């Protein structure tokens, strides 16, 4: 077991070192005119994920110097690279937004026919393309979600090992009991694992607040179901130091200044813009 632990630690250290180099390597390659795979170029430039880039190539939505892009093609910053007719700019302003997602909105950047409205459609068209939702908030839930074009910041916020806090207000179908609060706070068996211990506080007969440090799929709903309850309303109030506050439903605000600096610090950004593991 000890050997396995050392091997896992070595793998984690390697991943951390790779993440630290991402921003620096991209900037250096761009400035030196070095070629890189198109999907990595678009991902590092904050346009889309690598997987999405490959799909866009298959769909013929990417042009390189006026010609349809090819799978695995290498490109450099001096080329005219366009996605759906819009040129990709590698020198972009960092954008981090707090969005109050309404119920019925899905957290995806994919375009599908006969689909639900996406969180991107809450934003101005001129910035939609370069932003990604940081994590997810299911269709039936509402509240705070972060949107950014900073891939490294997004990755650090989402890493489970960083134990970043997310706070929720939850309404359930039966009165909140002390037994229920104890079960939830100590950990519940769902998805072939036991959830991490968490902070839970009763706020009303049918309501409670919960602070999680992990993000399993539909975690709160599954935890409640495992305890014999059903969620009626779920609203995210906070992600790390970013609070939903009085932000109206369906609206957004930009995170800047000291609030952004604190978020980056909590995420692990060191001076020079590099994140530590």
C-alpha atoms as a PDB file:
ATOM      1  CA  UNK A   1       0.000   0.000   0.000  1.00  0.00           C
ATOM      2  CA  UNK A   2       2.866   2.352   0.800  1.00  0.00           C
ATOM      3  CA  UNK A   3       4.348   1.823  -2.646  1.00  0.00           C
ATOM      4  CA  UNK A   4       0.982   2.571  -4.245  1.00  0.00           C
ATOM      5  CA  UNK A   5       0.708   5.760  -2.199  1.00  0.00           C
ATOM      6  CA  UNK A   6       4.153   6.883  -3.356  1.00  0.00           C
ATOM      7  CA  UNK A   7       3.261   6.141  -6.981  1.00  0.00           C
ATOM      8  CA  UNK A   8       0.028   8.144  -6.715  1.00  0.00           C
ATOM      9  CA  UNK A   9       1.881  11.023  -5.056  1.00  0.00           C
ATOM     10  CA  UNK A  10       4.422  10.981  -7.869  1.00  0.00           C
ATOM     11  CA  UNK A  11       1.656  11.119 -10.464  1.00  0.00           C
ATOM     12  CA  UNK A  12      -0.023  14.011  -8.646  1.00  0.00           C
ATOM     13  CA  UNK A  13       3.264  15.920  -8.402  1.00  0.00           C
ATOM     14  CA  UNK A  14       3.789  15.414 -12.127  1.00  0.00           C
ATOM     15  CA  UNK A  15       0.307  16.739 -12.915  1.00  0.00           C
ATOM     16  CA  UNK A  16       0.880  19.771 -10.687  1.00  0.00           C
ATOM     17  CA  UNK A  17       4.156  20.555 -12.429  1.00  0.00           C
ATOM     18  CA  UNK A  18       2.496  20.293 -15.834  1.00  0.00           C
ATOM     19  CA  UNK A  19      -0.286  22.675 -14.785  1.00  0.00           C
ATOM     20  CA  UNK A  20       2.247  25.173 -13.466  1.00  0.00           C
ATOM     21  CA  UNK A  21       3.938  25.275 -16.864  1.00  0.00           C
ATOM     22  CA  UNK A  22       0.776  25.688 -18.984  1.00  0.00           C
ATOM     23  CA  UNK A  23       0.465  29.468 -18.960  1.00  0.00           C
ATOM     24  CA  UNK A  24       4.209  30.099 -19.278  1.00  0.00           C
ATOM     25  CA  UNK A  25       4.684  27.539 -22.060  1.00  0.00           C
ATOM     26  CA  UNK A  26       1.757  28.893 -24.062  1.00  0.00           C
ATOM     27  CA  UNK A  27       2.975  32.488 -23.815  1.00  0.00           C
ATOM     28  CA  UNK A  28       6.513  31.472 -24.784  1.00  0.00           C
ATOM     29  CA  UNK A  29       5.388  29.390 -27.763  1.00  0.00           C
ATOM     30  CA  UNK A  30       3.078  32.134 -28.963  1.00  0.00           C
ATOM     31  CA  UNK A  31       5.771  34.797 -28.713  1.00  0.00           C
ATOM     32  CA  UNK A  32       8.313  32.536 -30.455  1.00  0.00           C
ATOM     33  CA  UNK A  33       5.898  31.549 -33.212  1.00  0.00           C
ATOM     34  CA  UNK A  34       6.212  27.864 -32.350  1.00  0.00           C
ATOM     35  CA  UNK A  35       3.560  25.555 -33.848  1.00  0.00           C
ATOM     36  CA  UNK A  36       1.197  23.556 -31.653  1.00  0.00           C
ATOM     37  CA  UNK A  37      -1.781  21.328 -32.240  1.00  0.00           C
ATOM     38  CA  UNK A  38      -4.900  23.266 -33.144  1.00  0.00           C
ATOM     39  CA  UNK A  39      -7.001  21.805 -30.345  1.00  0.00           C
ATOM     40  CA  UNK A  40      -4.388  22.760 -27.723  1.00  0.00           C
ATOM     41  CA  UNK A  41      -4.002  26.220 -29.268  1.00  0.00           C
ATOM     42  CA  UNK A  42      -7.742  26.876 -28.995  1.00  0.00           C
ATOM     43  CA  UNK A  43      -7.924  25.460 -25.477  1.00  0.00           C
ATOM     44  CA  UNK A  44      -4.976  27.505 -24.196  1.00  0.00           C
ATOM     45  CA  UNK A  45      -6.373  30.594 -25.923  1.00  0.00           C
ATOM     46  CA  UNK A  46      -9.605  30.140 -23.954  1.00  0.00           C
ATOM     47  CA  UNK A  47     -11.825  29.471 -26.976  1.00  0.00           C
ATOM     48  CA  UNK A  48     -13.029  25.962 -26.123  1.00  0.00           C
ATOM     49  CA  UNK A  49     -11.874  22.645 -24.707  1.00  0.00           C
ATOM     50  CA  UNK A  50      -9.672  20.329 -26.783  1.00  0.00           C
ATOM     51  CA  UNK A  51     -12.545  17.894 -27.202  1.00  0.00           C
ATOM     52  CA  UNK A  52     -14.822  20.678 -28.411  1.00  0.00           C
ATOM     53  CA  UNK A  53     -12.116  21.866 -30.804  1.00  0.00           C
ATOM     54  CA  UNK A  54     -11.936  18.403 -32.359  1.00  0.00           C
ATOM     55  CA  UNK A  55     -15.712  18.381 -32.771  1.00  0.00           C
ATOM     56  CA  UNK A  56     -15.590  21.828 -34.368  1.00  0.00           C
ATOM     57  CA  UNK A  57     -12.971  20.519 -36.839  1.00  0.00           C
ATOM     58  CA  UNK A  58     -15.205  17.570 -37.714  1.00  0.00           C
ATOM     59  CA  UNK A  59     -18.135  19.961 -38.204  1.00  0.00           C
ATOM     60  CA  UNK A  60     -16.089  22.235 -40.472  1.00  0.00           C
ATOM     61  CA  UNK A  61     -16.471  25.219 -38.162  1.00  0.00           C
ATOM     62  CA  UNK A  62     -12.757  26.120 -38.028  1.00  0.00           C
ATOM     63  CA  UNK A  63     -10.760  27.768 -40.802  1.00  0.00           C
ATOM     64  CA  UNK A  64      -6.977  28.157 -40.840  1.00  0.00           C
ATOM     65  CA  UNK A  65      -5.830  30.767 -43.355  1.00  0.00           C
ATOM     66  CA  UNK A  66      -9.154  30.412 -45.141  1.00  0.00           C
ATOM     67  CA  UNK A  67      -9.005  26.612 -45.437  1.00  0.00           C
ATOM     68  CA  UNK A  68     -10.977  24.053 -43.418  1.00  0.00           C
ATOM     69  CA  UNK A  69      -8.924  22.840 -40.475  1.00  0.00           C
ATOM     70  CA  UNK A  70      -7.737  19.239 -40.349  1.00  0.00           C
ATOM     71  CA  UNK A  71      -7.728  16.919 -37.333  1.00  0.00           C
ATOM     72  CA  UNK A  72      -4.330  17.056 -35.593  1.00  0.00           C
ATOM     73  CA  UNK A  73      -3.233  20.101 -37.603  1.00  0.00           C
ATOM     74  CA  UNK A  74      -0.482  22.267 -36.128  1.00  0.00           C
ATOM     75  CA  UNK A  75      -0.826  26.054 -36.143  1.00  0.00           C
ATOM     76  CA  UNK A  76       0.966  29.145 -34.870  1.00  0.00           C
ATOM     77  CA  UNK A  77      -0.162  32.584 -33.738  1.00  0.00           C
ATOM     78  CA  UNK A  78       0.729  34.252 -37.026  1.00  0.00           C
ATOM     79  CA  UNK A  79      -1.994  32.359 -38.868  1.00  0.00           C
ATOM     80  CA  UNK A  80      -5.563  33.509 -39.414  1.00  0.00           C
ATOM     81  CA  UNK A  81      -7.537  31.057 -37.262  1.00  0.00           C
ATOM     82  CA  UNK A  82     -11.309  31.472 -37.204  1.00  0.00           C
ATOM     83  CA  UNK A  83     -14.090  29.646 -35.394  1.00  0.00           C
ATOM     84  CA  UNK A  84     -17.535  30.192 -36.917  1.00  0.00           C
ATOM     85  CA  UNK A  85     -16.071  33.090 -38.869  1.00  0.00           C
ATOM     86  CA  UNK A  86     -14.627  34.916 -35.854  1.00  0.00           C
ATOM     87  CA  UNK A  87     -10.875  35.313 -35.601  1.00  0.00           C
ATOM     88  CA  UNK A  88      -9.164  33.874 -32.539  1.00  0.00           C
ATOM     89  CA  UNK A  89      -7.165  36.400 -30.545  1.00  0.00           C
ATOM     90  CA  UNK A  90      -4.454  35.066 -28.244  1.00  0.00           C
ATOM     91  CA  UNK A  91      -3.954  38.343 -26.412  1.00  0.00           C
ATOM     92  CA  UNK A  92      -7.120  38.620 -24.384  1.00  0.00           C
ATOM     93  CA  UNK A  93      -8.257  40.270 -21.188  1.00  0.00           C
ATOM     94  CA  UNK A  94      -8.924  37.948 -18.289  1.00  0.00           C
ATOM     95  CA  UNK A  95     -12.657  37.780 -17.604  1.00  0.00           C
ATOM     96  CA  UNK A  96     -14.250  36.293 -14.496  1.00  0.00           C
ATOM     97  CA  UNK A  97     -18.004  36.663 -14.028  1.00  0.00           C
ATOM     98  CA  UNK A  98     -20.441  35.803 -11.268  1.00  0.00           C
ATOM     99  CA  UNK A  99     -23.753  34.688 -12.799  1.00  0.00           C
ATOM    100  CA  UNK A 100     -27.066  34.056 -11.029  1.00  0.00           C
ATOM    101  CA  UNK A 101     -28.337  31.029 -12.956  1.00  0.00           C
ATOM    102  CA  UNK A 102     -32.119  30.595 -12.979  1.00  0.00           C
ATOM    103  CA  UNK A 103     -33.834  27.212 -12.864  1.00  0.00           C
ATOM    104  CA  UNK A 104     -34.271  25.605 -16.272  1.00  0.00           C
ATOM    105  CA  UNK A 105     -30.905  26.844 -17.569  1.00  0.00           C
ATOM    106  CA  UNK A 106     -28.199  24.266 -18.334  1.00  0.00           C
ATOM    107  CA  UNK A 107     -24.472  24.747 -17.752  1.00  0.00           C
ATOM    108  CA  UNK A 108     -23.009  23.801 -21.103  1.00  0.00           C
ATOM    109  CA  UNK A 109     -21.260  25.527 -23.980  1.00  0.00           C
ATOM    110  CA  UNK A 110     -22.507  23.014 -26.535  1.00  0.00           C
ATOM    111  CA  UNK A 111     -24.868  24.122 -29.289  1.00  0.00           C
ATOM    112  CA  UNK A 112     -27.679  21.649 -29.929  1.00  0.00           C
ATOM    113  CA  UNK A 113     -30.959  21.797 -31.772  1.00  0.00           C
ATOM    114  CA  UNK A 114     -34.127  21.491 -29.667  1.00  0.00           C
ATOM    115  CA  UNK A 115     -32.118  22.188 -26.551  1.00  0.00           C
ATOM    116  CA  UNK A 116     -32.630  24.005 -23.293  1.00  0.00           C
ATOM    117  CA  UNK A 117     -31.346  27.536 -22.889  1.00  0.00           C
ATOM    118  CA  UNK A 118     -27.704  27.585 -21.771  1.00  0.00           C
ATOM    119  CA  UNK A 119     -25.966  29.749 -19.216  1.00  0.00           C
ATOM    120  CA  UNK A 120     -23.963  31.359 -22.038  1.00  0.00           C
ATOM    121  CA  UNK A 121     -27.177  32.863 -23.396  1.00  0.00           C
ATOM    122  CA  UNK A 122     -27.434  34.987 -20.255  1.00  0.00           C
ATOM    123  CA  UNK A 123     -24.309  36.868 -21.388  1.00  0.00           C
ATOM    124  CA  UNK A 124     -23.627  39.431 -24.130  1.00  0.00           C
ATOM    125  CA  UNK A 125     -22.909  37.824 -27.501  1.00  0.00           C
ATOM    126  CA  UNK A 126     -19.519  39.531 -27.833  1.00  0.00           C
ATOM    127  CA  UNK A 127     -18.025  37.616 -24.870  1.00  0.00           C
ATOM    128  CA  UNK A 128     -19.919  34.319 -24.984  1.00  0.00           C
ATOM    129  CA  UNK A 129     -17.477  32.427 -27.173  1.00  0.00           C
ATOM    130  CA  UNK A 130     -14.460  32.733 -24.899  1.00  0.00           C
ATOM    131  CA  UNK A 131     -16.129  31.901 -21.567  1.00  0.00           C
ATOM    132  CA  UNK A 132     -16.592  28.574 -19.803  1.00  0.00           C
ATOM    133  CA  UNK A 133     -18.717  27.718 -16.771  1.00  0.00           C
ATOM    134  CA  UNK A 134     -16.563  26.779 -13.783  1.00  0.00           C
ATOM    135  CA  UNK A 135     -18.134  23.469 -12.832  1.00  0.00           C
ATOM    136  CA  UNK A 136     -21.831  22.798 -13.056  1.00  0.00           C
ATOM    137  CA  UNK A 137     -25.142  23.579 -11.409  1.00  0.00           C
ATOM    138  CA  UNK A 138     -27.884  21.220 -12.528  1.00  0.00           C
ATOM    139  CA  UNK A 139     -30.892  22.360 -14.529  1.00  0.00           C
ATOM    140  CA  UNK A 140     -33.286  22.205 -11.581  1.00  0.00           C
ATOM    141  CA  UNK A 141     -31.007  24.271  -9.320  1.00  0.00           C
ATOM    142  CA  UNK A 142     -30.345  28.003  -9.235  1.00  0.00           C
ATOM    143  CA  UNK A 143     -27.805  30.465  -7.937  1.00  0.00           C
ATOM    144  CA  UNK A 144     -24.147  31.298  -8.305  1.00  0.00           C
ATOM    145  CA  UNK A 145     -21.963  29.970 -11.079  1.00  0.00           C
ATOM    146  CA  UNK A 146     -18.638  31.430 -12.192  1.00  0.00           C
ATOM    147  CA  UNK A 147     -17.764  31.990 -15.862  1.00  0.00           C
ATOM    148  CA  UNK A 148     -14.234  32.667 -17.072  1.00  0.00           C
ATOM    149  CA  UNK A 149     -11.818  32.552 -19.998  1.00  0.00           C
ATOM    150  CA  UNK A 150      -8.961  31.705 -17.602  1.00  0.00           C
ATOM    151  CA  UNK A 151      -8.504  27.958 -18.004  1.00  0.00           C
ATOM    152  CA  UNK A 152      -5.913  27.649 -15.249  1.00  0.00           C
ATOM    153  CA  UNK A 153      -8.074  29.442 -12.705  1.00  0.00           C
ATOM    154  CA  UNK A 154     -10.998  27.222 -13.663  1.00  0.00           C
ATOM    155  CA  UNK A 155      -8.921  24.057 -13.215  1.00  0.00           C
ATOM    156  CA  UNK A 156      -7.638  25.100  -9.785  1.00  0.00           C
ATOM    157  CA  UNK A 157     -11.117  25.957  -8.516  1.00  0.00           C
ATOM    158  CA  UNK A 158     -12.457  22.594  -9.669  1.00  0.00           C
ATOM    159  CA  UNK A 159      -9.708  20.400  -8.200  1.00  0.00           C
ATOM    160  CA  UNK A 160     -11.286  18.313  -5.433  1.00  0.00           C
ATOM    161  CA  UNK A 161      -8.011  18.086  -3.532  1.00  0.00           C
ATOM    162  CA  UNK A 162      -8.024  21.856  -2.973  1.00  0.00           C
ATOM    163  CA  UNK A 163     -11.084  21.633  -0.692  1.00  0.00           C
ATOM    164  CA  UNK A 164     -12.589  24.890  -1.980  1.00  0.00           C
ATOM    165  CA  UNK A 165     -15.855  25.743  -0.254  1.00  0.00           C
ATOM    166  CA  UNK A 166     -19.251  26.010  -1.972  1.00  0.00           C
ATOM    167  CA  UNK A 167     -22.293  27.017   0.083  1.00  0.00           C
ATOM    168  CA  UNK A 168     -25.939  26.179  -0.648  1.00  0.00           C
ATOM    169  CA  UNK A 169     -29.425  26.910   0.712  1.00  0.00           C
ATOM    170  CA  UNK A 170     -31.642  23.833   0.446  1.00  0.00           C
ATOM    171  CA  UNK A 171     -35.368  23.222   0.950  1.00  0.00           C
ATOM    172  CA  UNK A 172     -36.497  19.643   1.511  1.00  0.00           C
ATOM    173  CA  UNK A 173     -39.871  17.871   1.626  1.00  0.00           C
ATOM    174  CA  UNK A 174     -39.861  16.968   5.340  1.00  0.00           C
ATOM    175  CA  UNK A 175     -38.849  18.818   8.510  1.00  0.00           C
ATOM    176  CA  UNK A 176     -35.109  19.051   9.157  1.00  0.00           C
ATOM    177  CA  UNK A 177     -34.167  16.915  12.171  1.00  0.00           C
ATOM    178  CA  UNK A 178     -31.038  16.677  14.286  1.00  0.00           C
ATOM    179  CA  UNK A 179     -30.528  13.125  13.042  1.00  0.00           C
ATOM    180  CA  UNK A 180     -30.651  14.320   9.432  1.00  0.00           C
ATOM    181  CA  UNK A 181     -28.158  17.133  10.121  1.00  0.00           C
ATOM    182  CA  UNK A 182     -25.781  14.663  11.790  1.00  0.00           C
ATOM    183  CA  UNK A 183     -26.030  12.203   8.889  1.00  0.00           C
ATOM    184  CA  UNK A 184     -25.358  14.897   6.307  1.00  0.00           C
ATOM    185  CA  UNK A 185     -22.444  16.468   8.192  1.00  0.00           C
ATOM    186  CA  UNK A 186     -20.644  13.193   8.906  1.00  0.00           C
ATOM    187  CA  UNK A 187     -20.789  11.873   5.337  1.00  0.00           C
ATOM    188  CA  UNK A 188     -23.284   9.900   3.268  1.00  0.00           C
ATOM    189  CA  UNK A 189     -22.655   6.913   1.024  1.00  0.00           C
ATOM    190  CA  UNK A 190     -23.449   7.804  -2.602  1.00  0.00           C
ATOM    191  CA  UNK A 191     -21.913   6.935  -5.979  1.00  0.00           C
ATOM    192  CA  UNK A 192     -19.745   4.161  -4.484  1.00  0.00           C
ATOM    193  CA  UNK A 193     -18.054   6.541  -2.063  1.00  0.00           C
ATOM    194  CA  UNK A 194     -18.701   8.370   1.202  1.00  0.00           C
ATOM    195  CA  UNK A 195     -19.000  12.134   0.985  1.00  0.00           C
ATOM    196  CA  UNK A 196     -16.559  14.291   2.896  1.00  0.00           C
ATOM    197  CA  UNK A 197     -17.600  15.634   6.296  1.00  0.00           C
ATOM    198  CA  UNK A 198     -19.226  19.029   5.804  1.00  0.00           C
ATOM    199  CA  UNK A 199     -20.829  21.926   7.652  1.00  0.00           C
ATOM    200  CA  UNK A 200     -24.635  21.802   7.872  1.00  0.00           C
ATOM    201  CA  UNK A 201     -26.926  24.262   9.684  1.00  0.00           C
ATOM    202  CA  UNK A 202     -30.706  24.326  10.029  1.00  0.00           C
ATOM    203  CA  UNK A 203     -32.201  27.650   8.861  1.00  0.00           C
ATOM    204  CA  UNK A 204     -35.918  26.799   9.030  1.00  0.00           C
ATOM    205  CA  UNK A 205     -38.387  23.978   9.483  1.00  0.00           C
ATOM    206  CA  UNK A 206     -37.731  22.658   5.955  1.00  0.00           C
ATOM    207  CA  UNK A 207     -34.495  24.484   5.100  1.00  0.00           C
ATOM    208  CA  UNK A 208     -30.791  24.162   5.823  1.00  0.00           C
ATOM    209  CA  UNK A 209     -27.461  25.500   4.628  1.00  0.00           C
ATOM    210  CA  UNK A 210     -24.617  23.205   3.656  1.00  0.00           C
ATOM    211  CA  UNK A 211     -20.961  23.919   2.804  1.00  0.00           C
ATOM    212  CA  UNK A 212     -19.287  21.327   0.578  1.00  0.00           C
ATOM    213  CA  UNK A 213     -15.625  20.918  -0.356  1.00  0.00           C
ATOM    214  CA  UNK A 214     -16.220  18.494  -3.217  1.00  0.00           C
ATOM    215  CA  UNK A 215     -18.449  18.448  -6.271  1.00  0.00           C
ATOM    216  CA  UNK A 216     -19.900  15.026  -6.976  1.00  0.00           C
ATOM    217  CA  UNK A 217     -22.673  14.818  -9.554  1.00  0.00           C
ATOM    218  CA  UNK A 218     -25.965  16.060  -8.029  1.00  0.00           C
ATOM    219  CA  UNK A 219     -24.288  15.570  -4.672  1.00  0.00           C
ATOM    220  CA  UNK A 220     -26.741  17.340  -2.345  1.00  0.00           C
ATOM    221  CA  UNK A 221     -29.785  15.773  -3.993  1.00  0.00           C
ATOM    222  CA  UNK A 222     -28.235  12.302  -3.757  1.00  0.00           C
ATOM    223  CA  UNK A 223     -27.185  12.858  -0.134  1.00  0.00           C
ATOM    224  CA  UNK A 224     -30.716  13.905   0.820  1.00  0.00           C
ATOM    225  CA  UNK A 225     -32.228  10.940  -1.025  1.00  0.00           C
ATOM    226  CA  UNK A 226     -29.868   8.568   0.796  1.00  0.00           C
ATOM    227  CA  UNK A 227     -31.209   9.991   4.074  1.00  0.00           C
ATOM    228  CA  UNK A 228     -34.840   9.568   3.006  1.00  0.00           C
ATOM    229  CA  UNK A 229     -35.519  13.152   1.947  1.00  0.00           C
ATOM    230  CA  UNK A 230     -36.225  14.881  -1.357  1.00  0.00           C
ATOM    231  CA  UNK A 231     -34.884  18.288  -2.417  1.00  0.00           C
ATOM    232  CA  UNK A 232     -37.535  20.799  -3.436  1.00  0.00           C
ATOM    233  CA  UNK A 233     -35.335  23.876  -3.895  1.00  0.00           C
ATOM    234  CA  UNK A 234     -31.555  24.213  -4.180  1.00  0.00           C
ATOM    235  CA  UNK A 235     -29.678  27.487  -4.481  1.00  0.00           C
ATOM    236  CA  UNK A 236     -25.920  28.062  -4.482  1.00  0.00           C
ATOM    237  CA  UNK A 237     -24.978  31.111  -2.438  1.00  0.00           C
ATOM    238  CA  UNK A 238     -21.177  31.123  -2.472  1.00  0.00           C
ATOM    239  CA  UNK A 239     -18.095  29.759  -4.213  1.00  0.00           C
ATOM    240  CA  UNK A 240     -14.978  30.343  -2.102  1.00  0.00           C
ATOM    241  CA  UNK A 241     -14.960  34.121  -1.446  1.00  0.00           C
ATOM    242  CA  UNK A 242     -17.501  34.978  -4.167  1.00  0.00           C
ATOM    243  CA  UNK A 243     -21.014  35.538  -2.818  1.00  0.00           C
ATOM    244  CA  UNK A 244     -24.255  35.614  -4.791  1.00  0.00           C
ATOM    245  CA  UNK A 245     -25.515  38.454  -2.623  1.00  0.00           C
ATOM    246  CA  UNK A 246     -28.284  40.548  -4.165  1.00  0.00           C
ATOM    247  CA  UNK A 247     -27.388  39.750  -7.781  1.00  0.00           C
ATOM    248  CA  UNK A 248     -30.756  39.434  -9.618  1.00  0.00           C
ATOM    249  CA  UNK A 249     -31.740  36.119 -11.182  1.00  0.00           C
ATOM    250  CA  UNK A 250     -30.472  35.827 -14.756  1.00  0.00           C
ATOM    251  CA  UNK A 251     -27.956  38.663 -14.332  1.00  0.00           C
ATOM    252  CA  UNK A 252     -24.167  38.735 -13.995  1.00  0.00           C
ATOM    253  CA  UNK A 253     -21.413  40.944 -12.623  1.00  0.00           C
ATOM    254  CA  UNK A 254     -17.694  41.072 -13.302  1.00  0.00           C
ATOM    255  CA  UNK A 255     -15.293  40.034 -10.557  1.00  0.00           C
ATOM    256  CA  UNK A 256     -12.378  42.452 -10.358  1.00  0.00           C
ATOM    257  CA  UNK A 257      -9.954  44.151  -7.984  1.00  0.00           C
ATOM    258  CA  UNK A 258      -9.441  42.795  -4.487  1.00  0.00           C
ATOM    259  CA  UNK A 259     -12.259  40.268  -4.876  1.00  0.00           C
ATOM    260  CA  UNK A 260     -10.542  38.722  -7.914  1.00  0.00           C
ATOM    261  CA  UNK A 261      -7.117  38.850  -6.258  1.00  0.00           C
ATOM    262  CA  UNK A 262      -8.445  36.978  -3.229  1.00  0.00           C
ATOM    263  CA  UNK A 263     -10.112  34.378  -5.460  1.00  0.00           C
ATOM    264  CA  UNK A 264      -6.838  33.799  -7.309  1.00  0.00           C
ATOM    265  CA  UNK A 265      -4.918  33.593  -4.044  1.00  0.00           C
ATOM    266  CA  UNK A 266      -7.362  31.042  -2.627  1.00  0.00           C
ATOM    267  CA  UNK A 267      -7.040  29.076  -5.877  1.00  0.00           C
ATOM    268  CA  UNK A 268      -3.276  28.987  -5.403  1.00  0.00           C
ATOM    269  CA  UNK A 269      -1.954  31.628  -7.802  1.00  0.00           C
ATOM    270  CA  UNK A 270       1.524  32.829  -6.906  1.00  0.00           C
ATOM    271  CA  UNK A 271       3.222  36.068  -8.009  1.00  0.00           C
ATOM    272  CA  UNK A 272       3.938  35.828 -11.728  1.00  0.00           C
ATOM    273  CA  UNK A 273       0.576  34.246 -12.489  1.00  0.00           C
ATOM    274  CA  UNK A 274       1.574  30.609 -11.903  1.00  0.00           C
ATOM    275  CA  UNK A 275      -0.469  28.266  -9.720  1.00  0.00           C
ATOM    276  CA  UNK A 276       1.039  25.913  -7.184  1.00  0.00           C
ATOM    277  CA  UNK A 277      -0.431  22.488  -6.525  1.00  0.00           C
END
